[in-house]
Protein backbone atom coordinates (compact mmCIF):
# COMPACT_ATOMS: atom_id res chain seq x y z
CA MET A 1 -0.30 0.13 -0.22
CA SER A 2 3.20 2.83 0.38
CA GLN A 3 4.67 1.71 -1.94
CA THR A 4 1.07 2.47 -4.12
CA LYS A 5 0.98 6.06 -2.09
CA ASN A 6 4.91 7.46 -3.33
CA HIS A 7 4.24 6.11 -6.64
CA ARG A 8 1.23 8.36 -7.39
CA LEU A 9 2.80 10.69 -5.47
CA GLU A 10 5.27 10.15 -7.98
CA VAL A 11 3.17 10.66 -10.71
CA LEU A 12 1.41 14.14 -9.67
CA SER A 13 5.02 15.66 -8.83
CA GLN A 14 5.42 15.50 -12.18
CA HIS A 15 2.27 16.57 -13.73
CA ILE A 16 3.49 19.69 -11.33
CA LEU A 17 7.33 20.04 -11.72
CA GLY A 18 6.71 18.91 -16.11
CA ALA A 19 8.54 16.23 -17.85
CA GLU A 20 12.35 17.69 -17.07
CA CYS A 21 11.91 16.07 -13.70
CA SER A 22 11.69 12.84 -15.25
CA GLY A 23 13.65 10.14 -14.00
CA LYS A 24 15.71 12.85 -11.47
CA ALA A 25 16.38 11.30 -8.36
CA SER A 26 16.14 15.09 -7.36
CA CYS A 27 11.84 15.16 -8.14
CA LYS A 28 11.85 11.75 -6.47
CA VAL A 29 9.27 11.98 -3.62
CA GLY A 30 11.31 11.46 -0.42
CA VAL A 31 14.81 12.14 -1.14
CA LYS A 32 16.39 15.45 -0.48
CA ASP A 33 17.72 17.62 -2.75
CA ASP A 34 19.81 20.76 -1.78
CA ASN A 35 16.83 23.21 -3.40
CA ASP A 36 13.73 21.73 -1.39
CA ALA A 37 12.34 24.18 0.47
CA VAL A 38 11.89 23.81 3.98
CA ILE A 39 9.39 24.72 6.16
CA VAL A 40 10.82 25.78 9.69
CA CYS A 41 7.39 26.58 11.99
CA ALA A 42 3.37 28.63 11.00
CA TYR A 43 2.36 30.47 13.08
CA ARG A 44 0.29 33.47 13.70
CA THR A 45 -0.12 36.53 15.59
CA ALA A 46 -3.16 37.01 18.60
CA LEU A 47 -6.90 36.74 16.98
CA CYS A 48 -9.17 39.90 18.21
CA LYS A 49 -12.50 41.33 17.12
CA ASN A 50 -12.40 43.76 14.14
CA LYS A 51 -11.22 47.30 15.63
CA LYS A 52 -12.19 47.07 19.02
CA GLY A 53 -10.96 44.51 21.05
CA SER A 54 -6.70 44.98 22.49
CA PHE A 55 -5.36 45.27 18.77
CA LYS A 56 -6.93 47.97 17.68
CA ASP A 57 -4.55 50.53 18.10
CA THR A 58 -0.95 47.47 16.58
CA LEU A 59 -0.41 48.73 13.69
CA PRO A 60 -0.16 45.22 12.18
CA GLU A 61 3.86 45.97 11.38
CA ASP A 62 4.84 45.95 14.71
CA MET A 63 2.66 42.23 15.53
CA LEU A 64 4.30 40.75 12.68
CA ALA A 65 8.12 42.09 14.09
CA GLY A 66 6.78 40.87 17.35
CA LEU A 67 5.97 37.19 14.89
CA PHE A 68 9.19 37.46 13.30
CA LYS A 69 11.00 38.04 16.26
CA GLY A 70 9.27 35.14 18.30
CA ILE A 71 9.84 32.65 15.95
CA VAL A 72 13.41 33.34 15.19
CA ALA A 73 13.42 32.98 18.87
CA LYS A 74 11.51 29.84 19.77
CA THR A 75 13.46 27.89 16.00
CA GLY A 76 16.77 29.61 16.41
CA VAL A 77 16.97 29.66 12.84
CA ASP A 78 20.06 32.57 11.19
CA PRO A 79 17.49 34.61 10.61
CA SER A 80 20.00 35.38 6.99
CA LEU A 81 18.97 31.63 6.38
CA ILE A 82 15.72 32.58 5.94
CA GLU A 83 15.02 32.81 2.03
CA ASP A 84 11.53 33.38 1.69
CA ALA A 85 7.95 34.43 4.22
CA GLN A 86 4.45 33.22 3.59
CA ILE A 87 2.37 36.07 4.71
CA GLY A 88 -1.30 35.64 5.22
CA ASN A 89 -3.92 39.08 6.58
CA VAL A 90 -7.38 39.28 6.36
CA LEU A 91 -8.57 43.63 5.67
CA GLN A 92 -5.27 45.12 4.18
CA PRO A 93 -5.03 46.57 1.29
CA GLY A 94 -3.05 45.13 -1.68
CA ALA A 95 -2.66 42.31 0.21
CA GLY A 96 -0.71 43.79 2.84
CA ALA A 97 2.09 43.69 0.75
CA VAL A 98 3.21 47.27 1.94
CA THR A 99 2.56 46.15 5.86
CA ALA A 100 3.99 42.60 5.40
CA ARG A 101 7.79 43.65 4.54
CA LEU A 102 7.79 46.36 6.71
CA GLY A 103 7.20 43.59 9.75
CA GLN A 104 9.54 41.04 8.08
CA LEU A 105 12.62 43.86 8.27
CA MET A 106 11.31 44.90 11.45
CA GLY A 107 11.67 41.70 12.68
CA GLY A 108 15.00 41.63 12.46
CA CYS A 109 15.10 39.00 8.39
CA PRO A 110 17.36 40.55 6.11
CA ALA A 111 16.68 43.52 2.86
CA ASN A 112 17.56 39.85 0.80
CA THR A 113 14.73 38.23 2.58
CA SER A 114 11.30 37.78 -0.08
CA VAL A 115 8.16 37.82 1.38
């Protein structure tokens, strides 16, 4: 059964990655490669009611800065090794790209880290 699942994952990965990965060891499921993405952690900021509660006057970038600092402290990851950060948001104009970038820089990530 495990082989069937791995085979299915390999077939799906070829659909996503394309023909250039066919037969390459680095494209196989379960084979480590230097170009693999590594998810170190997933956290979120605290919740409150929209425009009410204890965070109503807190800027989103201040919340994100604390989040980035907390992630680095908790995981022990060197911020210079972070190549990309994925940020989701609600109710931010322009999908919150500027806010996310400000929070990332204020949180200690280097300028060459994408968000």
